[in-house]
PDB file of N, CA and C in Angstrom:
ATOM      1  N   MET A   1     139.441  88.938  94.644  1.00  0.00           N
ATOM      2  CA  MET A   1     138.494  88.137  94.022  1.00  0.00           C
ATOM      3  C   MET A   1     138.698  88.546  92.371  1.00  0.00           C
ATOM      4  N   ASP A   2     138.663  87.445  91.637  1.00  0.00           N
ATOM      5  CA  ASP A   2     139.022  87.886  90.180  1.00  0.00           C
ATOM      6  C   ASP A   2     137.892  88.495  89.538  1.00  0.00           C
ATOM      7  N   MET A   3     138.155  89.168  88.279  1.00  0.00           N
ATOM      8  CA  MET A   3     137.275  90.030  87.746  1.00  0.00           C
ATOM      9  C   MET A   3     136.163  89.183  87.062  1.00  0.00           C
ATOM     10  N   LYS A   4     136.525  87.929  86.585  1.00  0.00           N
ATOM     11  CA  LYS A   4     135.381  86.991  86.136  1.00  0.00           C
ATOM     12  C   LYS A   4     134.315  86.754  86.976  1.00  0.00           C
ATOM     13  N   LYS A   5     134.833  86.444  88.303  1.00  0.00           N
ATOM     14  CA  LYS A   5     133.846  86.029  89.347  1.00  0.00           C
ATOM     15  C   LYS A   5     132.935  87.241  89.599  1.00  0.00           C
ATOM     16  N   LEU A   6     133.562  88.471  89.790  1.00  0.00           N
ATOM     17  CA  LEU A   6     132.835  89.629  90.260  1.00  0.00           C
ATOM     18  C   LEU A   6     131.897  89.877  89.146  1.00  0.00           C
ATOM     19  N   MET A   7     132.221  89.869  87.892  1.00  0.00           N
ATOM     20  CA  MET A   7     131.330  90.177  86.776  1.00  0.00           C
ATOM     21  C   MET A   7     130.173  89.220  86.661  1.00  0.00           C
ATOM     22  N   LYS A   8     130.324  88.028  86.977  1.00  0.00           N
ATOM     23  CA  LYS A   8     129.406  86.963  87.203  1.00  0.00           C
ATOM     24  C   LYS A   8     128.362  87.317  88.221  1.00  0.00           C
ATOM     25  N   GLN A   9     128.847  87.619  89.304  1.00  0.00           N
ATOM     26  CA  GLN A   9     128.082  88.106  90.508  1.00  0.00           C
ATOM     27  C   GLN A   9     127.203  89.274  90.209  1.00  0.00           C
ATOM     28  N   MET A  10     127.803  90.255  89.393  1.00  0.00           N
ATOM     29  CA  MET A  10     127.010  91.445  89.179  1.00  0.00           C
ATOM     30  C   MET A  10     125.964  91.063  88.190  1.00  0.00           C
ATOM     31  N   GLN A  11     126.215  90.163  87.141  1.00  0.00           N
ATOM     32  CA  GLN A  11     125.182  89.754  86.262  1.00  0.00           C
ATOM     33  C   GLN A  11     124.094  89.157  87.018  1.00  0.00           C
ATOM     34  N   GLN A  12     124.464  88.238  88.031  1.00  0.00           N
ATOM     35  CA  GLN A  12     123.391  87.608  88.905  1.00  0.00           C
ATOM     36  C   GLN A  12     122.499  88.564  89.523  1.00  0.00           C
ATOM     37  N   ALA A  13     123.235  89.427  90.110  1.00  0.00           N
ATOM     38  CA  ALA A  13     122.507  90.470  90.865  1.00  0.00           C
ATOM     39  C   ALA A  13     121.637  91.335  90.027  1.00  0.00           C
ATOM     40  N   GLN A  14     122.078  91.613  88.747  1.00  0.00           N
ATOM     41  CA  GLN A  14     121.102  92.471  87.934  1.00  0.00           C
ATOM     42  C   GLN A  14     120.061  91.452  87.487  1.00  0.00           C
ATOM     43  N   ALA A  15     120.198  90.271  87.291  1.00  0.00           N
ATOM     44  CA  ALA A  15     119.097  89.265  86.815  1.00  0.00           C
ATOM     45  C   ALA A  15     117.966  89.327  88.030  1.00  0.00           C
ATOM     46  N   ALA A  16     118.559  89.022  89.244  1.00  0.00           N
ATOM     47  CA  ALA A  16     117.669  89.014  90.377  1.00  0.00           C
ATOM     48  C   ALA A  16     116.939  90.384  90.589  1.00  0.00           C
ATOM     49  N   ALA A  17     117.414  91.609  90.332  1.00  0.00           N
ATOM     50  CA  ALA A  17     116.923  92.798  90.494  1.00  0.00           C
ATOM     51  C   ALA A  17     115.728  92.841  89.471  1.00  0.00           C
ATOM     52  N   ALA A  18     116.023  92.463  88.191  1.00  0.00           N
ATOM     53  CA  ALA A  18     115.087  92.444  87.075  1.00  0.00           C
ATOM     54  C   ALA A  18     113.848  91.671  87.375  1.00  0.00           C
ATOM     55  N   LYS A  19     114.235  90.570  88.093  1.00  0.00           N
ATOM     56  CA  LYS A  19     113.046  89.616  88.399  1.00  0.00           C
ATOM     57  C   LYS A  19     112.223  90.269  89.429  1.00  0.00           C
ATOM     58  N   ILE A  20     112.694  90.859  90.466  1.00  0.00           N
ATOM     59  CA  ILE A  20     111.971  91.504  91.459  1.00  0.00           C
ATOM     60  C   ILE A  20     111.271  92.590  91.017  1.00  0.00           C
ATOM     61  N   GLN A  21     111.792  93.467  90.034  1.00  0.00           N
ATOM     62  CA  GLN A  21     110.914  94.445  89.390  1.00  0.00           C
ATOM     63  C   GLN A  21     109.765  93.930  88.713  1.00  0.00           C
ATOM     64  N   ASP A  22     110.089  93.010  88.015  1.00  0.00           N
ATOM     65  CA  ASP A  22     108.869  92.300  87.304  1.00  0.00           C
ATOM     66  C   ASP A  22     107.686  91.763  88.206  1.00  0.00           C
ATOM     67  N   ASN A  23     108.361  91.215  89.192  1.00  0.00           N
ATOM     68  CA  ASN A  23     107.257  90.481  90.235  1.00  0.00           C
ATOM     69  C   ASN A  23     106.481  91.668  90.862  1.00  0.00           C
ATOM     70  N   LEU A  24     107.234  92.937  91.355  1.00  0.00           N
ATOM     71  CA  LEU A  24     106.519  93.930  91.903  1.00  0.00           C
ATOM     72  C   LEU A  24     105.454  94.527  90.972  1.00  0.00           C
ATOM     73  N   ALA A  25     105.802  94.637  89.813  1.00  0.00           N
ATOM     74  CA  ALA A  25     105.015  95.160  88.805  1.00  0.00           C
ATOM     75  C   ALA A  25     103.608  94.364  88.469  1.00  0.00           C
ATOM     76  N   ALA A  26     103.691  93.008  88.776  1.00  0.00           N
ATOM     77  CA  ALA A  26     102.648  92.088  88.682  1.00  0.00           C
ATOM     78  C   ALA A  26     101.828  92.043  89.799  1.00  0.00           C
ATOM     79  N   GLN A  27     102.214  92.651  90.961  1.00  0.00           N
ATOM     80  CA  GLN A  27     101.313  92.686  92.231  1.00  0.00           C
ATOM     81  C   GLN A  27     100.592  94.090  92.340  1.00  0.00           C
ATOM     82  N   SER A  28      99.629  93.880  93.312  1.00  0.00           N
ATOM     83  CA  SER A  28      99.053  95.217  93.615  1.00  0.00           C
ATOM     84  C   SER A  28      98.678  95.150  95.076  1.00  0.00           C
ATOM     85  N   VAL A  29      98.454  96.197  95.634  1.00  0.00           N
ATOM     86  CA  VAL A  29      97.850  96.385  97.179  1.00  0.00           C
ATOM     87  C   VAL A  29      96.806  97.377  97.185  1.00  0.00           C
ATOM     88  N   GLU A  30      95.873  97.109  98.254  1.00  0.00           N
ATOM     89  CA  GLU A  30      94.884  98.209  98.296  1.00  0.00           C
ATOM     90  C   GLU A  30      94.861  98.654  99.676  1.00  0.00           C
ATOM     91  N   GLY A  31      94.739 100.051  99.716  1.00  0.00           N
ATOM     92  CA  GLY A  31      94.698 100.806 101.020  1.00  0.00           C
ATOM     93  C   GLY A  31      93.222 101.322 101.254  1.00  0.00           C
ATOM     94  N   THR A  32      92.695 101.192 102.409  1.00  0.00           N
ATOM     95  CA  THR A  32      91.321 101.715 102.625  1.00  0.00           C
ATOM     96  C   THR A  32      91.355 102.615 103.864  1.00  0.00           C
ATOM     97  N   ALA A  33      90.161 103.356 103.723  1.00  0.00           N
ATOM     98  CA  ALA A  33      89.865 104.482 104.829  1.00  0.00           C
ATOM     99  C   ALA A  33      88.267 104.227 105.243  1.00  0.00           C
ATOM    100  N   SER A  34      88.063 103.599 106.474  1.00  0.00           N
ATOM    101  CA  SER A  34      86.807 103.479 106.806  1.00  0.00           C
ATOM    102  C   SER A  34      85.863 102.634 105.916  1.00  0.00           C
ATOM    103  N   GLY A  35      86.402 102.013 105.026  1.00  0.00           N
ATOM    104  CA  GLY A  35      85.623 101.120 104.174  1.00  0.00           C
ATOM    105  C   GLY A  35      84.897 102.023 103.035  1.00  0.00           C
ATOM    106  N   LEU A  36      85.224 103.239 103.095  1.00  0.00           N
ATOM    107  CA  LEU A  36      84.593 104.237 102.076  1.00  0.00           C
ATOM    108  C   LEU A  36      85.318 104.543 100.881  1.00  0.00           C
ATOM    109  N   VAL A  37      86.691 104.587 101.126  1.00  0.00           N
ATOM    110  CA  VAL A  37      87.544 104.898  99.959  1.00  0.00           C
ATOM    111  C   VAL A  37      88.599 103.883  99.931  1.00  0.00           C
ATOM    112  N   THR A  38      88.862 103.391  98.711  1.00  0.00           N
ATOM    113  CA  THR A  38      89.907 102.433  98.487  1.00  0.00           C
ATOM    114  C   THR A  38      90.922 102.856  97.203  1.00  0.00           C
ATOM    115  N   VAL A  39      92.128 102.806  97.696  1.00  0.00           N
ATOM    116  CA  VAL A  39      93.217 103.176  96.692  1.00  0.00           C
ATOM    117  C   VAL A  39      93.943 101.832  96.312  1.00  0.00           C
ATOM    118  N   THR A  40      94.161 101.574  95.022  1.00  0.00           N
ATOM    119  CA  THR A  40      94.758 100.289  94.610  1.00  0.00           C
ATOM    120  C   THR A  40      96.184 100.945  94.025  1.00  0.00           C
ATOM    121  N   MET A  41      97.231 100.336  94.398  1.00  0.00           N
ATOM    122  CA  MET A  41      98.604 100.648  93.856  1.00  0.00           C
ATOM    123  C   MET A  41      99.259  99.488  93.300  1.00  0.00           C
ATOM    124  N   SER A  42     100.285  99.707  92.408  1.00  0.00           N
ATOM    125  CA  SER A  42     101.005  98.589  91.848  1.00  0.00           C
ATOM    126  C   SER A  42     102.047  98.313  93.131  1.00  0.00           C
ATOM    127  N   GLY A  43     102.759  97.263  92.970  1.00  0.00           N
ATOM    128  CA  GLY A  43     103.877  96.937  93.932  1.00  0.00           C
ATOM    129  C   GLY A  43     105.036  97.950  93.647  1.00  0.00           C
ATOM    130  N   HIS A  44     105.002  98.805  92.730  1.00  0.00           N
ATOM    131  CA  HIS A  44     105.939  99.800  92.517  1.00  0.00           C
ATOM    132  C   HIS A  44     105.595 101.144  93.260  1.00  0.00           C
ATOM    133  N   GLY A  45     104.259 101.072  93.776  1.00  0.00           N
ATOM    134  CA  GLY A  45     103.804 102.220  94.604  1.00  0.00           C
ATOM    135  C   GLY A  45     103.053 103.310  93.617  1.00  0.00           C
ATOM    136  N   LYS A  46     102.638 102.828  92.537  1.00  0.00           N
ATOM    137  CA  LYS A  46     101.868 103.667  91.376  1.00  0.00           C
ATOM    138  C   LYS A  46     100.460 103.552  91.756  1.00  0.00           C
ATOM    139  N   ILE A  47      99.763 104.643  91.791  1.00  0.00           N
ATOM    140  CA  ILE A  47      98.219 104.528  91.978  1.00  0.00           C
ATOM    141  C   ILE A  47      97.570 104.032  90.603  1.00  0.00           C
ATOM    142  N   THR A  48      96.801 102.909  90.758  1.00  0.00           N
ATOM    143  CA  THR A  48      96.160 102.327  89.676  1.00  0.00           C
ATOM    144  C   THR A  48      94.749 102.572  89.617  1.00  0.00           C
ATOM    145  N   ALA A  49      94.113 102.576  90.818  1.00  0.00           N
ATOM    146  CA  ALA A  49      92.594 102.867  90.903  1.00  0.00           C
ATOM    147  C   ALA A  49      92.092 103.640  92.350  1.00  0.00           C
ATOM    148  N   LEU A  50      91.154 104.304  92.162  1.00  0.00           N
ATOM    149  CA  LEU A  50      90.499 104.881  93.214  1.00  0.00           C
ATOM    150  C   LEU A  50      89.161 104.760  93.182  1.00  0.00           C
ATOM    151  N   LYS A  51      88.483 104.330  94.448  1.00  0.00           N
ATOM    152  CA  LYS A  51      87.027 103.959  94.391  1.00  0.00           C
ATOM    153  C   LYS A  51      86.545 104.627  95.642  1.00  0.00           C
ATOM    154  N   ILE A  52      85.512 105.268  95.561  1.00  0.00           N
ATOM    155  CA  ILE A  52      84.799 106.241  96.493  1.00  0.00           C
ATOM    156  C   ILE A  52      83.368 105.595  96.599  1.00  0.00           C
ATOM    157  N   LYS A  53      83.033 105.056  97.693  1.00  0.00           N
ATOM    158  CA  LYS A  53      81.498 104.757  97.988  1.00  0.00           C
ATOM    159  C   LYS A  53      80.704 106.118  97.964  1.00  0.00           C
ATOM    160  N   PRO A  54      79.639 106.067  97.369  1.00  0.00           N
ATOM    161  CA  PRO A  54      78.726 107.221  97.442  1.00  0.00           C
ATOM    162  C   PRO A  54      78.451 107.910  98.729  1.00  0.00           C
ATOM    163  N   GLU A  55      78.415 106.992  99.751  1.00  0.00           N
ATOM    164  CA  GLU A  55      77.861 107.614 101.093  1.00  0.00           C
ATOM    165  C   GLU A  55      79.195 108.374 101.657  1.00  0.00           C
ATOM    166  N   ALA A  56      80.314 108.241 101.049  1.00  0.00           N
ATOM    167  CA  ALA A  56      81.477 109.049 101.456  1.00  0.00           C
ATOM    168  C   ALA A  56      81.419 110.501 100.905  1.00  0.00           C
ATOM    169  N   VAL A  57      80.523 110.707 100.042  1.00  0.00           N
ATOM    170  CA  VAL A  57      80.382 112.117  99.369  1.00  0.00           C
ATOM    171  C   VAL A  57      79.306 112.897 100.119  1.00  0.00           C
ATOM    172  N   ASP A  58      79.643 113.892 100.672  1.00  0.00           N
ATOM    173  CA  ASP A  58      78.817 114.678 101.478  1.00  0.00           C
ATOM    174  C   ASP A  58      79.364 116.151 101.004  1.00  0.00           C
ATOM    175  N   PRO A  59      78.444 116.799 100.123  1.00  0.00           N
ATOM    176  CA  PRO A  59      78.869 118.136  99.559  1.00  0.00           C
ATOM    177  C   PRO A  59      79.141 119.196 100.615  1.00  0.00           C
ATOM    178  N   ASP A  60      78.516 119.033 101.816  1.00  0.00           N
ATOM    179  CA  ASP A  60      78.775 119.899 102.856  1.00  0.00           C
ATOM    180  C   ASP A  60      80.151 119.641 103.797  1.00  0.00           C
ATOM    181  N   ASP A  61      80.684 118.595 103.390  1.00  0.00           N
ATOM    182  CA  ASP A  61      81.894 118.017 104.229  1.00  0.00           C
ATOM    183  C   ASP A  61      82.907 117.541 103.217  1.00  0.00           C
ATOM    184  N   VAL A  62      83.342 118.385 102.479  1.00  0.00           N
ATOM    185  CA  VAL A  62      84.442 117.945 101.467  1.00  0.00           C
ATOM    186  C   VAL A  62      85.776 117.520 102.078  1.00  0.00           C
ATOM    187  N   GLU A  63      86.107 118.112 103.208  1.00  0.00           N
ATOM    188  CA  GLU A  63      87.239 117.999 103.859  1.00  0.00           C
ATOM    189  C   GLU A  63      87.161 116.500 104.361  1.00  0.00           C
ATOM    190  N   ALA A  64      86.107 115.934 104.825  1.00  0.00           N
ATOM    191  CA  ALA A  64      86.232 114.531 105.362  1.00  0.00           C
ATOM    192  C   ALA A  64      86.509 113.624 104.213  1.00  0.00           C
ATOM    193  N   LEU A  65      86.074 113.900 103.135  1.00  0.00           N
ATOM    194  CA  LEU A  65      86.413 113.079 101.931  1.00  0.00           C
ATOM    195  C   LEU A  65      87.853 113.085 101.492  1.00  0.00           C
ATOM    196  N   GLU A  66      88.303 114.342 101.639  1.00  0.00           N
ATOM    197  CA  GLU A  66      89.729 114.481 101.265  1.00  0.00           C
ATOM    198  C   GLU A  66      90.704 113.686 102.469  1.00  0.00           C
ATOM    199  N   ASP A  67      90.267 113.817 103.607  1.00  0.00           N
ATOM    200  CA  ASP A  67      90.888 113.124 104.647  1.00  0.00           C
ATOM    201  C   ASP A  67      90.788 111.545 104.374  1.00  0.00           C
ATOM    202  N   LEU A  68      89.715 111.021 103.953  1.00  0.00           N
ATOM    203  CA  LEU A  68      89.519 109.670 103.735  1.00  0.00           C
ATOM    204  C   LEU A  68      90.410 109.215 102.490  1.00  0.00           C
ATOM    205  N   ILE A  69      90.544 110.004 101.724  1.00  0.00           N
ATOM    206  CA  ILE A  69      91.493 109.646 100.380  1.00  0.00           C
ATOM    207  C   ILE A  69      92.900 109.668 100.776  1.00  0.00           C
ATOM    208  N   LEU A  70      93.293 110.717 101.750  1.00  0.00           N
ATOM    209  CA  LEU A  70      94.667 110.671 102.093  1.00  0.00           C
ATOM    210  C   LEU A  70      95.096 109.373 102.889  1.00  0.00           C
ATOM    211  N   VAL A  71      94.119 109.031 103.808  1.00  0.00           N
ATOM    212  CA  VAL A  71      94.426 108.003 104.693  1.00  0.00           C
ATOM    213  C   VAL A  71      94.487 106.658 103.904  1.00  0.00           C
ATOM    214  N   ALA A  72      93.539 106.412 102.978  1.00  0.00           N
ATOM    215  CA  ALA A  72      93.634 105.359 101.895  1.00  0.00           C
ATOM    216  C   ALA A  72      94.914 105.320 101.109  1.00  0.00           C
ATOM    217  N   MET A  73      95.458 106.523 100.697  1.00  0.00           N
ATOM    218  CA  MET A  73      96.554 106.595  99.938  1.00  0.00           C
ATOM    219  C   MET A  73      97.817 106.350 100.859  1.00  0.00           C
ATOM    220  N   GLN A  74      97.805 106.691 102.054  1.00  0.00           N
ATOM    221  CA  GLN A  74      98.887 106.298 102.956  1.00  0.00           C
ATOM    222  C   GLN A  74      98.897 104.799 103.369  1.00  0.00           C
ATOM    223  N   ASP A  75      97.718 104.222 103.485  1.00  0.00           N
ATOM    224  CA  ASP A  75      97.578 102.887 103.735  1.00  0.00           C
ATOM    225  C   ASP A  75      98.330 102.109 102.670  1.00  0.00           C
ATOM    226  N   ALA A  76      97.827 102.393 101.464  1.00  0.00           N
ATOM    227  CA  ALA A  76      98.281 101.778 100.204  1.00  0.00           C
ATOM    228  C   ALA A  76      99.888 101.945 100.055  1.00  0.00           C
ATOM    229  N   THR A  77     100.273 102.961 100.409  1.00  0.00           N
ATOM    230  CA  THR A  77     101.733 103.348 100.269  1.00  0.00           C
ATOM    231  C   THR A  77     102.416 102.447 101.167  1.00  0.00           C
ATOM    232  N   ALA A  78     102.007 102.423 102.491  1.00  0.00           N
ATOM    233  CA  ALA A  78     102.701 101.473 103.438  1.00  0.00           C
ATOM    234  C   ALA A  78     102.754 100.016 102.940  1.00  0.00           C
ATOM    235  N   LYS A  79     101.579  99.501 102.367  1.00  0.00           N
ATOM    236  CA  LYS A  79     101.534  98.261 102.092  1.00  0.00           C
ATOM    237  C   LYS A  79     102.557  98.063 100.810  1.00  0.00           C
ATOM    238  N   ALA A  80     102.537  98.926  99.912  1.00  0.00           N
ATOM    239  CA  ALA A  80     103.386  98.704  98.668  1.00  0.00           C
ATOM    240  C   ALA A  80     104.878  98.818  99.219  1.00  0.00           C
ATOM    241  N   ASP A  81     105.157  99.547 100.215  1.00  0.00           N
ATOM    242  CA  ASP A  81     106.552  99.662 100.741  1.00  0.00           C
ATOM    243  C   ASP A  81     106.946  98.407 101.374  1.00  0.00           C
ATOM    244  N   ALA A  82     106.002  97.766 102.093  1.00  0.00           N
ATOM    245  CA  ALA A  82     106.169  96.471 102.879  1.00  0.00           C
ATOM    246  C   ALA A  82     106.378  95.563 101.714  1.00  0.00           C
ATOM    247  N   LEU A  83     105.545  95.478 100.638  1.00  0.00           N
ATOM    248  CA  LEU A  83     105.810  94.537  99.594  1.00  0.00           C
ATOM    249  C   LEU A  83     107.247  94.611  98.899  1.00  0.00           C
ATOM    250  N   GLN A  84     107.737  95.809  98.717  1.00  0.00           N
ATOM    251  CA  GLN A  84     108.974  95.991  98.158  1.00  0.00           C
ATOM    252  C   GLN A  84     110.085  95.495  99.124  1.00  0.00           C
ATOM    253  N   GLN A  85     109.921  95.755 100.368  1.00  0.00           N
ATOM    254  CA  GLN A  85     110.976  95.430 101.240  1.00  0.00           C
ATOM    255  C   GLN A  85     110.960  93.820 101.346  1.00  0.00           C
ATOM    256  N   ASP A  86     109.708  93.171 101.355  1.00  0.00           N
ATOM    257  CA  ASP A  86     109.741  91.707 101.280  1.00  0.00           C
ATOM    258  C   ASP A  86     110.381  91.138 100.224  1.00  0.00           C
ATOM    259  N   ALA A  87     110.207  91.776  99.122  1.00  0.00           N
ATOM    260  CA  ALA A  87     110.619  91.345  97.816  1.00  0.00           C
ATOM    261  C   ALA A  87     112.101  91.319  97.803  1.00  0.00           C
ATOM    262  N   THR A  88     112.832  92.132  98.464  1.00  0.00           N
ATOM    263  CA  THR A  88     114.247  92.466  98.253  1.00  0.00           C
ATOM    264  C   THR A  88     115.013  91.910  99.649  1.00  0.00           C
ATOM    265  N   ARG A  89     114.314  91.577 100.534  1.00  0.00           N
ATOM    266  CA  ARG A  89     114.853  91.131 101.933  1.00  0.00           C
ATOM    267  C   ARG A  89     115.867  89.970 101.642  1.00  0.00           C
ATOM    268  N   GLY A  90     116.954  90.098 102.217  1.00  0.00           N
ATOM    269  CA  GLY A  90     117.973  89.091 102.107  1.00  0.00           C
ATOM    270  C   GLY A  90     118.833  88.987 100.754  1.00  0.00           C
ATOM    271  N   LEU A  91     118.768  89.915  99.972  1.00  0.00           N
ATOM    272  CA  LEU A  91     119.579  89.987  98.739  1.00  0.00           C
ATOM    273  C   LEU A  91     120.689  90.610  98.967  1.00  0.00           C
ATOM    274  N   GLY A  92     120.707  91.513  99.974  1.00  0.00           N
ATOM    275  CA  GLY A  92     121.979  92.460 100.122  1.00  0.00           C
ATOM    276  C   GLY A  92     122.385  93.374  98.900  1.00  0.00           C
ATOM    277  N   LEU A  93     121.431  93.647  98.159  1.00  0.00           N
ATOM    278  CA  LEU A  93     121.506  94.512  97.073  1.00  0.00           C
ATOM    279  C   LEU A  93     121.445  96.030  97.418  1.00  0.00           C
ATOM    280  N   PRO A  94     122.494  96.682  97.352  1.00  0.00           N
ATOM    281  CA  PRO A  94     122.363  98.180  97.552  1.00  0.00           C
ATOM    282  C   PRO A  94     121.349  99.033  96.657  1.00  0.00           C
ATOM    283  N   GLY A  95     120.479  99.777  97.361  1.00  0.00           N
ATOM    284  CA  GLY A  95     119.571 100.704  96.587  1.00  0.00           C
ATOM    285  C   GLY A  95     118.333  99.968  96.375  1.00  0.00           C
ATOM    286  N   PHE A  96     118.134  98.741  97.057  1.00  0.00           N
ATOM    287  CA  PHE A  96     116.843  98.022  97.065  1.00  0.00           C
ATOM    288  C   PHE A  96     116.341  97.918  98.363  1.00  0.00           C
TER     289      PHE A  96
END
């Protein structure tokens, strides 16, 4: 393969990766736990919001609220991971 062709392919791959990153940044996913706790994440997996319904707060059972938050975060993380995999599927780009 000649060097010009290889360089062009690398530039195309970089442009595609940049487009994917921009697309992921513009998307968000929500993870929920029992409808009481909602975590919103960007397509990059960064938490952008946390909502807790008042009925989830029981001063005598803080552990239950902690569990709900963890479940919502795990749900959102799984959805963000799936979004990332969908965005990069078929490109054959290493590291994505």
